Amino acid sequence: MINKKVANAEEAIVDIKDGDTLMLGGFGLCGIPEKCIAALVHKGIKNLTCISNNAGVDDFGIGLMLQQKQVKKMIASYVGENAEFERQLLSGALDVELIPQGTLAFRCMAAGYGMPAIFTPAGIGTEVAIGKEVRNFNGKDYLLEKAFEANFAIVKAWKGDTAGNLIFKATSRNFNTVMAMAGKITIAEVEELVEPGVLDPNQIHVPGVYIHRIFQGNDYEKRIEKKTISK
């Protein structure tokens, strides 16, 4: 059994370079790969294309990469919590492709399944459809959407083993599961790393065959976007 453990985030991202395309798991601030993002910021690589459900907030997540002008293009579904993202978008400094959330998920899934494309009704009759092939099935129009091609997928799980098997906790499964399958090289950071055989096989969400590198991170912030307290 291959041991896929690396020492830390810095070692995990060592060969990510300028101009690469990255998938980054998470939904809002839940289940994002905090340690790898911090390592990418420290490394200072530029001209990245980032595929993520959203773009973090100003001082956390992908927002930290945007502050350092590391992202050339953002492919996302929701971007409403990041003032720096808005500033770069409106100034023309950032190329942005907004995608319906379900389409984003299925384009990730298609990449993981080895499918070149999918057909979806989402976006028909809107700006999303401009320049894309439309086909009619049983009287209904569908857009052809191509599978993503990402050099790396970076995900964050609750538990994992050194063979790469992953277990996510609650809503942190979100985009992490489909992205883990979709990268040419997938990096997983986990809160707890154990030896093979410790995890219950019936509880594993992503099998280790999809994971190339794994490490245990510490002191996760686990932020939430908006804290609401009743009066």
Protein backbone atom coordinates (compact mmCIF):
# COMPACT_ATOMS: atom_id res chain seq x y z
CA MET A 1 0.00 0.00 0.00
CA ILE A 2 1.42 3.38 -1.04
CA ASN A 3 2.08 5.85 1.77
CA LYS A 4 0.98 9.25 0.45
CA LYS A 5 1.86 11.24 3.56
CA VAL A 6 3.88 14.43 3.21
CA ALA A 7 5.20 16.54 6.07
CA ASN A 8 3.19 19.73 5.65
CA ALA A 9 1.40 22.10 3.28
CA GLU A 10 4.66 23.50 1.93
CA GLU A 11 5.78 20.05 0.81
CA ALA A 12 2.33 19.24 -0.58
CA ILE A 13 2.27 22.27 -2.92
CA VAL A 14 5.96 22.26 -3.80
CA ASP A 15 5.43 21.77 -7.55
CA ILE A 16 2.49 24.14 -8.03
CA LYS A 17 3.80 26.84 -10.33
CA ASP A 18 2.82 30.13 -11.95
CA GLY A 19 -0.08 29.79 -14.38
CA ASP A 20 -1.49 26.53 -12.96
CA THR A 21 -5.22 25.82 -12.65
CA LEU A 22 -6.33 24.86 -9.14
CA MET A 23 -9.56 23.45 -7.76
CA LEU A 24 -10.12 24.51 -4.16
CA GLY A 25 -12.73 22.72 -2.07
CA GLY A 26 -15.10 24.30 0.40
CA PHE A 27 -18.41 26.12 0.54
CA GLY A 28 -18.36 29.59 2.01
CA LEU A 29 -15.74 29.24 4.72
CA CYS A 30 -16.71 25.66 5.55
CA GLY A 31 -14.22 22.93 4.68
CA ILE A 32 -11.69 25.10 2.86
CA PRO A 33 -8.03 23.97 2.66
CA GLU A 34 -6.72 26.67 4.99
CA LYS A 35 -3.17 25.41 5.33
CA CYS A 36 -2.55 24.92 1.61
CA ILE A 37 -3.95 28.36 0.83
CA ALA A 38 -1.61 29.87 3.44
CA ALA A 39 1.31 28.00 1.86
CA LEU A 40 0.34 29.25 -1.61
CA VAL A 41 0.24 32.82 -0.32
CA HIS A 42 3.66 32.41 1.28
CA LYS A 43 5.10 30.88 -1.89
CA GLY A 44 3.88 33.88 -3.89
CA ILE A 45 3.08 32.13 -7.17
CA LYS A 46 1.12 34.19 -9.71
CA ASN A 47 -1.31 34.01 -12.63
CA LEU A 48 -3.37 31.20 -11.13
CA THR A 49 -6.78 30.11 -12.37
CA CYS A 50 -8.85 29.14 -9.34
CA ILE A 51 -11.99 27.00 -9.50
CA SER A 52 -14.04 27.24 -6.31
CA ASN A 53 -17.65 27.63 -5.28
CA ASN A 54 -16.83 31.10 -3.97
CA ALA A 55 -13.86 33.40 -3.47
CA GLY A 56 -13.49 33.51 0.29
CA VAL A 57 -13.67 36.78 2.22
CA ASP A 58 -11.20 39.65 2.29
CA ASP A 59 -8.96 38.27 5.03
CA PHE A 60 -9.46 34.52 4.73
CA GLY A 61 -9.46 31.71 2.19
CA ILE A 62 -8.94 32.58 -1.47
CA GLY A 63 -9.39 36.22 -0.42
CA LEU A 64 -5.81 36.10 0.88
CA MET A 65 -4.58 35.07 -2.57
CA LEU A 66 -6.59 37.84 -4.18
CA GLN A 67 -5.00 40.38 -1.85
CA GLN A 68 -1.58 39.32 -3.13
CA LYS A 69 -2.70 39.52 -6.78
CA GLN A 70 -1.98 35.81 -7.26
CA VAL A 71 -5.21 34.96 -9.10
CA LYS A 72 -5.52 35.74 -12.81
CA LYS A 73 -8.92 34.10 -13.33
CA MET A 74 -11.66 33.09 -10.90
CA ILE A 75 -14.20 30.43 -11.90
CA ALA A 76 -16.90 30.43 -9.25
CA SER A 77 -20.59 30.37 -8.44
CA TYR A 78 -20.92 32.88 -5.58
CA VAL A 79 -18.60 35.81 -4.91
CA GLY A 80 -20.64 38.24 -2.84
CA GLU A 81 -18.61 38.38 0.38
CA ASN A 82 -15.31 39.74 -0.94
CA ALA A 83 -14.72 43.47 -1.44
CA GLU A 84 -11.24 42.93 -2.92
CA PHE A 85 -12.71 40.51 -5.47
CA GLU A 86 -15.26 43.16 -6.43
CA ARG A 87 -12.59 45.83 -6.78
CA GLN A 88 -10.41 43.66 -9.05
CA LEU A 89 -13.40 42.57 -11.13
CA LEU A 90 -14.66 46.13 -11.72
CA SER A 91 -11.17 47.42 -12.50
CA GLY A 92 -10.57 44.69 -15.07
CA ALA A 93 -7.64 43.23 -13.11
CA LEU A 94 -9.39 39.86 -12.63
CA ASP A 95 -10.97 37.62 -15.25
CA VAL A 96 -14.16 36.09 -13.83
CA GLU A 97 -16.35 33.26 -15.08
CA LEU A 98 -19.56 32.91 -13.06
CA ILE A 99 -21.17 29.48 -13.31
CA PRO A 100 -24.47 28.11 -11.94
CA GLN A 101 -23.67 26.13 -8.80
CA GLY A 102 -25.02 22.84 -10.09
CA THR A 103 -23.10 23.23 -13.34
CA LEU A 104 -19.91 23.89 -11.37
CA ALA A 105 -20.44 20.68 -9.40
CA PHE A 106 -21.20 18.57 -12.47
CA ARG A 107 -18.23 19.92 -14.44
CA CYS A 108 -16.05 18.79 -11.51
CA MET A 109 -17.83 15.45 -11.43
CA ALA A 110 -17.39 14.98 -15.18
CA ALA A 111 -13.64 15.49 -14.81
CA GLY A 112 -13.52 12.89 -12.04
CA TYR A 113 -15.53 10.39 -14.08
CA GLY A 114 -13.41 10.87 -17.20
CA MET A 115 -16.28 12.43 -19.16
CA PRO A 116 -15.33 15.25 -21.57
CA ALA A 117 -18.58 17.18 -21.15
CA ILE A 118 -22.12 17.27 -19.80
CA PHE A 119 -25.44 18.65 -21.00
CA THR A 120 -27.46 20.84 -18.64
CA PRO A 121 -30.55 23.07 -18.95
CA ALA A 122 -29.04 25.60 -16.52
CA GLY A 123 -28.16 28.85 -18.28
CA ILE A 124 -30.30 28.43 -21.38
CA GLY A 125 -31.49 31.85 -22.55
CA THR A 126 -28.96 33.75 -20.40
CA GLU A 127 -25.45 35.16 -20.80
CA VAL A 128 -24.15 31.80 -19.56
CA ALA A 129 -25.13 30.28 -22.92
CA ILE A 130 -23.26 32.75 -25.14
CA GLY A 131 -20.88 30.96 -27.47
CA LYS A 132 -21.81 27.47 -26.25
CA GLU A 133 -23.33 24.57 -28.14
CA VAL A 134 -27.05 23.94 -27.55
CA ARG A 135 -28.78 20.65 -28.25
CA ASN A 136 -32.42 19.68 -27.98
CA PHE A 137 -33.39 16.48 -26.19
CA ASN A 138 -37.07 15.48 -26.07
CA GLY A 139 -38.18 19.02 -26.83
CA LYS A 140 -35.95 20.75 -24.27
CA ASP A 141 -32.74 22.72 -24.90
CA TYR A 142 -29.52 21.87 -23.08
CA LEU A 143 -26.11 23.55 -22.95
CA LEU A 144 -22.93 21.61 -23.56
CA GLU A 145 -20.53 22.33 -20.70
CA LYS A 146 -16.98 20.96 -20.78
CA ALA A 147 -15.36 19.12 -17.89
CA PHE A 148 -12.79 21.14 -15.98
CA GLU A 149 -9.09 20.52 -16.50
CA ALA A 150 -7.21 21.32 -13.31
CA ASN A 151 -3.53 20.72 -12.65
CA PHE A 152 -4.25 20.31 -8.94
CA ALA A 153 -7.27 19.79 -6.70
CA ILE A 154 -6.81 20.85 -3.07
CA VAL A 155 -9.32 19.63 -0.49
CA LYS A 156 -9.77 19.58 3.27
CA ALA A 157 -11.18 16.60 5.20
CA TRP A 158 -11.86 15.74 8.82
CA LYS A 159 -9.99 12.43 8.94
CA GLY A 160 -7.76 10.58 6.55
CA ASP A 161 -5.24 7.78 6.45
CA THR A 162 -1.79 7.63 4.89
CA ALA A 163 -3.22 5.71 1.91
CA GLY A 164 -5.37 8.77 1.11
CA ASN A 165 -8.83 7.57 2.22
CA LEU A 166 -10.91 10.54 3.42
CA ILE A 167 -13.84 11.15 5.76
CA PHE A 168 -15.57 14.54 5.79
CA LYS A 169 -17.55 15.92 8.68
CA ALA A 170 -21.06 17.29 8.14
CA THR A 171 -21.30 20.02 5.48
CA SER A 172 -17.56 20.08 4.82
CA ARG A 173 -18.24 17.37 2.21
CA ASN A 174 -19.66 20.10 -0.09
CA PHE A 175 -17.41 20.57 -3.16
CA ASN A 176 -14.53 18.68 -1.56
CA THR A 177 -15.76 15.26 -2.64
CA VAL A 178 -16.23 15.98 -6.36
CA MET A 179 -13.05 18.06 -6.56
CA ALA A 180 -11.00 15.34 -4.88
CA MET A 181 -11.81 13.09 -7.84
CA ALA A 182 -11.17 15.71 -10.50
CA GLY A 183 -7.62 17.02 -10.23
CA LYS A 184 -4.68 15.57 -12.14
CA ILE A 185 -2.95 15.70 -8.75
CA THR A 186 -5.11 15.86 -5.61
CA ILE A 187 -3.78 17.18 -2.31
CA ALA A 188 -5.72 16.54 0.90
CA GLU A 189 -5.18 18.22 4.23
CA VAL A 190 -6.86 16.64 7.25
CA GLU A 191 -7.42 17.39 10.91
CA GLU A 192 -6.50 13.85 11.93
CA LEU A 193 -4.21 11.48 10.02
CA VAL A 194 -4.16 7.78 10.91
CA GLU A 195 -2.66 4.55 9.63
CA PRO A 196 -4.49 2.36 7.07
CA GLY A 197 -7.09 0.10 8.67
CA VAL A 198 -8.09 2.54 11.40
CA LEU A 199 -10.94 4.16 9.44
CA ASP A 200 -14.20 2.27 9.06
CA PRO A 201 -14.41 1.38 5.33
CA ASN A 202 -18.17 1.98 5.42
CA GLN A 203 -17.63 5.60 6.47
CA ILE A 204 -15.10 6.62 3.80
CA HIS A 205 -16.37 9.33 1.45
CA VAL A 206 -13.42 9.51 -0.97
CA PRO A 207 -11.23 6.43 -1.55
CA GLY A 208 -7.49 6.84 -1.53
CA VAL A 209 -7.12 5.99 -5.22
CA TYR A 210 -8.00 9.64 -5.98
CA ILE A 211 -5.52 11.19 -3.52
CA HIS A 212 -1.86 11.74 -4.30
CA ARG A 213 -0.64 13.63 -1.21
CA ILE A 214 -2.01 13.97 2.30
CA PHE A 215 -0.88 15.72 5.47
CA GLN A 216 -2.22 16.64 8.89
CA GLY A 217 -2.79 20.32 9.61
CA ASN A 218 -3.11 21.93 13.02
CA ASP A 219 -4.94 24.85 14.64
CA TYR A 220 -7.69 25.22 12.07
CA GLU A 221 -9.74 28.42 12.44
CA LYS A 222 -12.96 26.92 11.03
CA ARG A 223 -14.55 30.31 10.52
CA ILE A 224 -18.20 30.89 9.74
CA GLU A 225 -19.24 33.69 7.41
CA LYS A 226 -21.95 35.28 9.52
CA LYS A 227 -22.57 34.71 13.18
CA THR A 228 -26.15 35.36 14.23
CA ILE A 229 -27.11 35.60 17.90
CA SER A 230 -30.70 35.76 19.06
CA LYS A 231 -31.74 38.70 21.22
